[in-house]
Each structure stands twice: as C-alpha cells, then as structure tokens.
Amino acid sequence: MEHVEFAQADRYEPEPDWQRVSLAGSERFAFEWFEKPAGHSSPMHDHENEQVCICIEGELTVVTEDDEAVLRSFDSVWLDAWEPHRVENTGSSTAVGIDVFAPGRSFDFWTEDEA
C-alpha cells in the first residue's frame, strides 16, 4: 500500500494560482489534483498518456482540435494518447479537478519542457 497525505504530497505550481498535487499512483496510472484560477488556460499540448479529466468544483472547458466539452461538478472527459488539448477555467471562480493518466507520469512532463 502507498499512503499519500495531501498536505505532504509532491506539488508543482506551473504558474501563480495554478497548482497540481501528485496523489497515490504507479507507473501504470497517476492521479493529479489541480486547482486552476478563473480565466486560466493551459497551453495546447499532447502527451503519451491517456487522460481522464474530472471537474470537482467550478467549470472547466476541455478543447481539442476537433471538439469542446464544458465540465461542471463531477463531469468528466477522456482524452486519447497524443490527442492535442488544453484545459481552460471558463467559470468565474477557481476550478478544482482531478486528472488520471495512464501510463502514470510525474511532474517531469512539465519541468522538462521548461529546461
């Protein structure tokens, strides 16, 4: 068993008020809690991982090259590996969500891009 206390979990803050927290997971799948400020959008990007994005609180819009989905509390969307996408907070307050990635990944996805 792997127990991860939220307060002690690995954190990454790509930009002010946009933070991600690594929850329990493995090389096969990873869970990341995130908080995104109103009006914020991640850049269009893709990755080798399949992804499920679950909106816990607020409003998120997931945009791909071909589609767009507005997520509200407990709505979710699945993205295939290498599918270009961005996630925007289109609401008026901070949005909270959970991303699930398969295979699992670390924050290296973001930090290696910065190098």
N, C-alpha and C. Protein backbone atom coordinates (compact mmCIF):
# COMPACT_ATOMS: atom_id res chain seq x y z
N MET A 1 0.85 -1.18 0.00
CA MET A 1 0.00 0.00 0.00
C MET A 1 0.89 1.24 0.00
N GLU A 2 0.43 2.25 -0.72
CA GLU A 2 1.10 3.55 -0.70
C GLU A 2 0.11 4.59 -0.17
N HIS A 3 0.43 5.20 0.94
CA HIS A 3 -0.42 6.23 1.54
C HIS A 3 0.22 7.59 1.26
N VAL A 4 -0.53 8.48 0.63
CA VAL A 4 -0.04 9.83 0.35
C VAL A 4 -0.94 10.83 1.07
N GLU A 5 -0.37 11.50 2.04
CA GLU A 5 -1.11 12.56 2.73
C GLU A 5 -1.08 13.81 1.86
N PHE A 6 -2.25 14.38 1.63
CA PHE A 6 -2.37 15.52 0.72
C PHE A 6 -1.43 16.66 1.12
N ALA A 7 -1.33 16.95 2.39
CA ALA A 7 -0.50 18.08 2.85
C ALA A 7 0.99 17.85 2.58
N GLN A 8 1.41 16.57 2.48
CA GLN A 8 2.82 16.27 2.25
C GLN A 8 3.11 15.82 0.81
N ALA A 9 2.12 15.79 -0.04
CA ALA A 9 2.29 15.29 -1.40
C ALA A 9 3.16 16.22 -2.23
N ASP A 10 3.79 15.66 -3.28
CA ASP A 10 4.58 16.46 -4.22
C ASP A 10 3.65 17.46 -4.90
N ARG A 11 4.12 18.69 -5.00
CA ARG A 11 3.33 19.77 -5.60
C ARG A 11 4.13 20.43 -6.71
N TYR A 12 3.41 20.96 -7.66
CA TYR A 12 4.02 21.72 -8.75
C TYR A 12 3.10 22.88 -9.06
N GLU A 13 3.67 24.07 -9.14
CA GLU A 13 2.89 25.27 -9.47
C GLU A 13 3.45 25.85 -10.76
N PRO A 14 2.89 25.44 -11.91
CA PRO A 14 3.40 25.91 -13.20
C PRO A 14 3.31 27.43 -13.36
N GLU A 15 2.27 28.02 -12.79
CA GLU A 15 2.05 29.47 -12.85
C GLU A 15 1.37 29.87 -11.56
N PRO A 16 1.41 31.15 -11.19
CA PRO A 16 0.73 31.57 -9.96
C PRO A 16 -0.74 31.13 -9.94
N ASP A 17 -1.16 30.56 -8.83
CA ASP A 17 -2.54 30.11 -8.59
C ASP A 17 -2.96 28.90 -9.40
N TRP A 18 -2.07 28.34 -10.21
CA TRP A 18 -2.35 27.10 -10.93
C TRP A 18 -1.43 26.06 -10.32
N GLN A 19 -2.00 25.17 -9.50
CA GLN A 19 -1.16 24.18 -8.85
C GLN A 19 -1.67 22.78 -9.10
N ARG A 20 -0.72 21.85 -9.02
CA ARG A 20 -1.01 20.44 -9.20
C ARG A 20 -0.40 19.68 -8.04
N VAL A 21 -1.10 18.65 -7.56
CA VAL A 21 -0.63 17.83 -6.45
C VAL A 21 -0.70 16.37 -6.88
N SER A 22 0.42 15.66 -6.70
CA SER A 22 0.51 14.26 -7.10
C SER A 22 -0.09 13.39 -6.00
N LEU A 23 -1.11 12.61 -6.35
CA LEU A 23 -1.76 11.71 -5.42
C LEU A 23 -1.17 10.30 -5.59
N ALA A 24 -1.64 9.35 -4.84
CA ALA A 24 -1.13 7.98 -4.94
C ALA A 24 -1.31 7.46 -6.37
N GLY A 25 -0.36 6.68 -6.82
CA GLY A 25 -0.42 6.13 -8.17
C GLY A 25 0.75 5.19 -8.40
N SER A 26 0.98 4.86 -9.65
CA SER A 26 2.05 3.92 -10.00
C SER A 26 2.53 4.25 -11.40
N GLU A 27 3.41 3.40 -11.93
CA GLU A 27 3.85 3.58 -13.31
C GLU A 27 2.72 3.30 -14.29
N ARG A 28 1.69 2.57 -13.87
CA ARG A 28 0.57 2.22 -14.75
C ARG A 28 -0.50 3.31 -14.80
N PHE A 29 -0.65 4.07 -13.69
CA PHE A 29 -1.62 5.17 -13.68
C PHE A 29 -1.22 6.18 -12.61
N ALA A 30 -1.59 7.43 -12.84
CA ALA A 30 -1.27 8.50 -11.90
C ALA A 30 -2.49 9.40 -11.73
N PHE A 31 -2.65 9.91 -10.52
CA PHE A 31 -3.72 10.84 -10.21
C PHE A 31 -3.10 12.18 -9.82
N GLU A 32 -3.61 13.26 -10.38
CA GLU A 32 -3.16 14.60 -10.01
C GLU A 32 -4.38 15.47 -9.69
N TRP A 33 -4.39 16.03 -8.50
CA TRP A 33 -5.38 17.03 -8.10
C TRP A 33 -4.87 18.36 -8.64
N PHE A 34 -5.78 19.20 -9.14
CA PHE A 34 -5.32 20.52 -9.59
C PHE A 34 -6.33 21.60 -9.24
N GLU A 35 -5.80 22.79 -9.16
CA GLU A 35 -6.58 24.00 -8.90
C GLU A 35 -6.18 25.01 -9.96
N LYS A 36 -7.17 25.59 -10.63
CA LYS A 36 -6.92 26.49 -11.76
C LYS A 36 -7.72 27.77 -11.56
N PRO A 37 -7.08 28.94 -11.59
CA PRO A 37 -7.80 30.19 -11.36
C PRO A 37 -8.75 30.53 -12.52
N ALA A 38 -9.74 31.36 -12.23
CA ALA A 38 -10.69 31.81 -13.25
C ALA A 38 -9.94 32.44 -14.42
N GLY A 39 -10.35 32.10 -15.62
CA GLY A 39 -9.76 32.67 -16.82
C GLY A 39 -8.47 32.01 -17.28
N HIS A 40 -7.93 31.07 -16.51
CA HIS A 40 -6.66 30.44 -16.88
C HIS A 40 -6.85 29.32 -17.89
N SER A 41 -5.92 29.20 -18.81
CA SER A 41 -5.91 28.10 -19.78
C SER A 41 -4.53 27.49 -19.82
N SER A 42 -4.47 26.18 -19.80
CA SER A 42 -3.18 25.53 -20.07
C SER A 42 -2.89 25.70 -21.55
N PRO A 43 -1.64 25.59 -21.95
CA PRO A 43 -1.34 25.67 -23.39
C PRO A 43 -1.85 24.42 -24.11
N MET A 44 -2.07 24.52 -25.40
CA MET A 44 -2.40 23.34 -26.20
C MET A 44 -1.19 22.42 -26.13
N HIS A 45 -1.43 21.15 -25.79
CA HIS A 45 -0.33 20.21 -25.64
C HIS A 45 -0.83 18.79 -25.86
N ASP A 46 0.08 17.86 -25.95
CA ASP A 46 -0.27 16.45 -26.02
C ASP A 46 0.78 15.67 -25.25
N HIS A 47 0.51 14.40 -25.00
CA HIS A 47 1.43 13.54 -24.28
C HIS A 47 1.08 12.08 -24.55
N GLU A 48 2.02 11.22 -24.18
CA GLU A 48 1.86 9.79 -24.44
C GLU A 48 0.78 9.15 -23.59
N ASN A 49 0.29 9.84 -22.56
CA ASN A 49 -0.66 9.26 -21.63
C ASN A 49 -2.09 9.48 -22.07
N GLU A 50 -2.93 8.45 -21.92
CA GLU A 50 -4.36 8.68 -21.95
C GLU A 50 -4.68 9.52 -20.72
N GLN A 51 -5.74 10.31 -20.78
CA GLN A 51 -6.08 11.18 -19.65
C GLN A 51 -7.58 11.23 -19.44
N VAL A 52 -7.99 11.16 -18.20
CA VAL A 52 -9.37 11.45 -17.81
C VAL A 52 -9.31 12.68 -16.94
N CYS A 53 -10.06 13.69 -17.29
CA CYS A 53 -10.14 14.93 -16.51
C CYS A 53 -11.52 14.97 -15.86
N ILE A 54 -11.54 15.10 -14.54
CA ILE A 54 -12.78 15.15 -13.77
C ILE A 54 -12.87 16.52 -13.11
N CYS A 55 -13.95 17.23 -13.35
CA CYS A 55 -14.19 18.52 -12.70
C CYS A 55 -14.85 18.25 -11.35
N ILE A 56 -14.24 18.72 -10.29
CA ILE A 56 -14.80 18.54 -8.96
C ILE A 56 -15.61 19.77 -8.55
N GLU A 57 -15.09 20.94 -8.89
CA GLU A 57 -15.72 22.19 -8.46
C GLU A 57 -15.46 23.25 -9.52
N GLY A 58 -16.43 24.09 -9.80
CA GLY A 58 -16.25 25.15 -10.79
C GLY A 58 -16.63 24.69 -12.18
N GLU A 59 -15.96 25.26 -13.18
CA GLU A 59 -16.26 24.96 -14.58
C GLU A 59 -14.96 24.89 -15.36
N LEU A 60 -14.80 23.82 -16.12
CA LEU A 60 -13.64 23.64 -16.98
C LEU A 60 -14.11 23.37 -18.39
N THR A 61 -13.42 23.95 -19.36
CA THR A 61 -13.69 23.65 -20.76
C THR A 61 -12.46 22.96 -21.33
N VAL A 62 -12.67 21.76 -21.86
CA VAL A 62 -11.59 20.99 -22.47
C VAL A 62 -11.74 21.14 -23.98
N VAL A 63 -10.68 21.60 -24.62
CA VAL A 63 -10.70 21.90 -26.04
C VAL A 63 -9.69 21.02 -26.76
N THR A 64 -10.14 20.34 -27.82
CA THR A 64 -9.25 19.57 -28.69
C THR A 64 -9.28 20.23 -30.06
N GLU A 65 -8.54 19.67 -30.99
CA GLU A 65 -8.56 20.21 -32.35
C GLU A 65 -9.93 20.07 -33.00
N ASP A 66 -10.73 19.09 -32.55
CA ASP A 66 -12.00 18.78 -33.20
C ASP A 66 -13.24 19.01 -32.34
N ASP A 67 -13.06 19.26 -31.04
CA ASP A 67 -14.22 19.26 -30.16
C ASP A 67 -13.99 20.15 -28.95
N GLU A 68 -15.05 20.36 -28.20
CA GLU A 68 -15.00 21.15 -26.97
C GLU A 68 -16.06 20.61 -26.02
N ALA A 69 -15.70 20.47 -24.74
CA ALA A 69 -16.65 19.98 -23.74
C ALA A 69 -16.56 20.87 -22.51
N VAL A 70 -17.72 21.31 -22.02
CA VAL A 70 -17.78 22.08 -20.78
C VAL A 70 -18.08 21.11 -19.65
N LEU A 71 -17.21 21.11 -18.64
CA LEU A 71 -17.37 20.22 -17.50
C LEU A 71 -17.77 21.03 -16.27
N ARG A 72 -18.78 20.54 -15.57
CA ARG A 72 -19.17 21.10 -14.28
C ARG A 72 -19.01 20.00 -13.24
N SER A 73 -19.36 20.26 -12.01
CA SER A 73 -19.10 19.32 -10.92
C SER A 73 -19.41 17.87 -11.31
N PHE A 74 -18.38 17.05 -11.21
CA PHE A 74 -18.40 15.60 -11.41
C PHE A 74 -18.57 15.16 -12.86
N ASP A 75 -18.53 16.11 -13.82
CA ASP A 75 -18.46 15.74 -15.23
C ASP A 75 -17.03 15.33 -15.53
N SER A 76 -16.86 14.52 -16.58
CA SER A 76 -15.52 14.08 -16.94
C SER A 76 -15.39 13.95 -18.45
N VAL A 77 -14.14 13.88 -18.89
CA VAL A 77 -13.84 13.70 -20.31
C VAL A 77 -12.61 12.81 -20.42
N TRP A 78 -12.58 11.96 -21.45
CA TRP A 78 -11.43 11.10 -21.72
C TRP A 78 -10.71 11.64 -22.94
N LEU A 79 -9.37 11.68 -22.86
CA LEU A 79 -8.53 12.11 -23.98
C LEU A 79 -7.58 10.97 -24.32
N ASP A 80 -7.46 10.67 -25.60
CA ASP A 80 -6.58 9.60 -26.05
C ASP A 80 -5.12 10.06 -25.98
N ALA A 81 -4.20 9.11 -25.96
CA ALA A 81 -2.78 9.44 -26.01
C ALA A 81 -2.49 10.26 -27.27
N TRP A 82 -1.65 11.25 -27.14
CA TRP A 82 -1.20 12.14 -28.22
C TRP A 82 -2.31 13.03 -28.79
N GLU A 83 -3.47 13.10 -28.13
CA GLU A 83 -4.55 13.98 -28.60
C GLU A 83 -4.28 15.41 -28.11
N PRO A 84 -4.01 16.35 -29.02
CA PRO A 84 -3.75 17.73 -28.59
C PRO A 84 -4.97 18.30 -27.87
N HIS A 85 -4.71 19.01 -26.75
CA HIS A 85 -5.82 19.56 -25.96
C HIS A 85 -5.32 20.67 -25.05
N ARG A 86 -6.26 21.43 -24.55
CA ARG A 86 -5.99 22.40 -23.50
C ARG A 86 -7.18 22.40 -22.55
N VAL A 87 -6.94 22.80 -21.30
CA VAL A 87 -7.99 22.86 -20.29
C VAL A 87 -8.08 24.29 -19.79
N GLU A 88 -9.26 24.87 -19.90
CA GLU A 88 -9.48 26.26 -19.52
C GLU A 88 -10.48 26.33 -18.36
N ASN A 89 -10.25 27.27 -17.46
CA ASN A 89 -11.25 27.57 -16.45
C ASN A 89 -12.11 28.68 -17.03
N THR A 90 -13.28 28.33 -17.51
CA THR A 90 -14.17 29.30 -18.15
C THR A 90 -15.20 29.85 -17.17
N GLY A 91 -15.09 29.48 -15.91
CA GLY A 91 -16.00 29.98 -14.89
C GLY A 91 -15.49 31.26 -14.26
N SER A 92 -16.20 31.72 -13.25
CA SER A 92 -15.84 32.98 -12.59
C SER A 92 -15.13 32.77 -11.26
N SER A 93 -14.89 31.51 -10.88
CA SER A 93 -14.19 31.22 -9.63
C SER A 93 -13.15 30.12 -9.88
N THR A 94 -12.32 29.87 -8.90
CA THR A 94 -11.31 28.82 -9.01
C THR A 94 -11.97 27.48 -9.29
N ALA A 95 -11.39 26.74 -10.21
CA ALA A 95 -11.88 25.39 -10.53
C ALA A 95 -10.94 24.36 -9.91
N VAL A 96 -11.51 23.25 -9.48
CA VAL A 96 -10.75 22.15 -8.90
C VAL A 96 -11.07 20.89 -9.68
N GLY A 97 -10.05 20.10 -9.98
CA GLY A 97 -10.27 18.88 -10.73
C GLY A 97 -9.26 17.81 -10.37
N ILE A 98 -9.46 16.65 -10.94
CA ILE A 98 -8.53 15.54 -10.81
C ILE A 98 -8.27 15.01 -12.22
N ASP A 99 -6.98 14.85 -12.53
CA ASP A 99 -6.57 14.21 -13.78
C ASP A 99 -6.05 12.82 -13.46
N VAL A 100 -6.41 11.86 -14.31
CA VAL A 100 -5.91 10.50 -14.21
C VAL A 100 -5.15 10.22 -15.49
N PHE A 101 -3.91 9.72 -15.36
CA PHE A 101 -3.06 9.46 -16.53
C PHE A 101 -2.67 7.98 -16.57
N ALA A 102 -2.74 7.39 -17.77
CA ALA A 102 -2.28 6.02 -17.97
C ALA A 102 -1.47 5.98 -19.27
N PRO A 103 -0.21 5.52 -19.25
CA PRO A 103 0.52 5.13 -18.04
C PRO A 103 0.76 6.33 -17.13
N GLY A 104 1.18 6.02 -15.90
CA GLY A 104 1.45 7.06 -14.93
C GLY A 104 2.57 7.97 -15.37
N ARG A 105 2.63 9.15 -14.78
CA ARG A 105 3.69 10.09 -15.10
C ARG A 105 4.01 10.91 -13.85
N SER A 106 5.10 11.63 -13.93
CA SER A 106 5.48 12.51 -12.83
C SER A 106 5.38 13.95 -13.32
N PHE A 107 5.75 14.88 -12.48
CA PHE A 107 5.75 16.29 -12.89
C PHE A 107 6.84 16.59 -13.90
N ASP A 108 7.69 15.61 -14.21
CA ASP A 108 8.73 15.81 -15.22
C ASP A 108 8.13 16.26 -16.55
N PHE A 109 6.89 15.87 -16.82
CA PHE A 109 6.23 16.30 -18.07
C PHE A 109 6.29 17.82 -18.19
N TRP A 110 6.01 18.52 -17.09
CA TRP A 110 6.02 19.99 -17.11
C TRP A 110 7.42 20.54 -16.96
N THR A 111 8.21 20.01 -16.03
CA THR A 111 9.51 20.60 -15.72
C THR A 111 10.53 20.37 -16.82
N GLU A 112 10.46 19.25 -17.54
CA GLU A 112 11.40 19.02 -18.63
C GLU A 112 11.14 19.96 -19.79
N ASP A 113 9.89 20.41 -19.98
CA ASP A 113 9.56 21.39 -21.01
C ASP A 113 10.19 22.74 -20.71
N GLU A 114 10.41 23.04 -19.43
CA GLU A 114 10.93 24.34 -19.03
C GLU A 114 12.43 24.45 -19.23
N ALA A 115 13.11 23.31 -19.35
CA ALA A 115 14.57 23.33 -19.45
C ALA A 115 15.06 23.89 -20.76
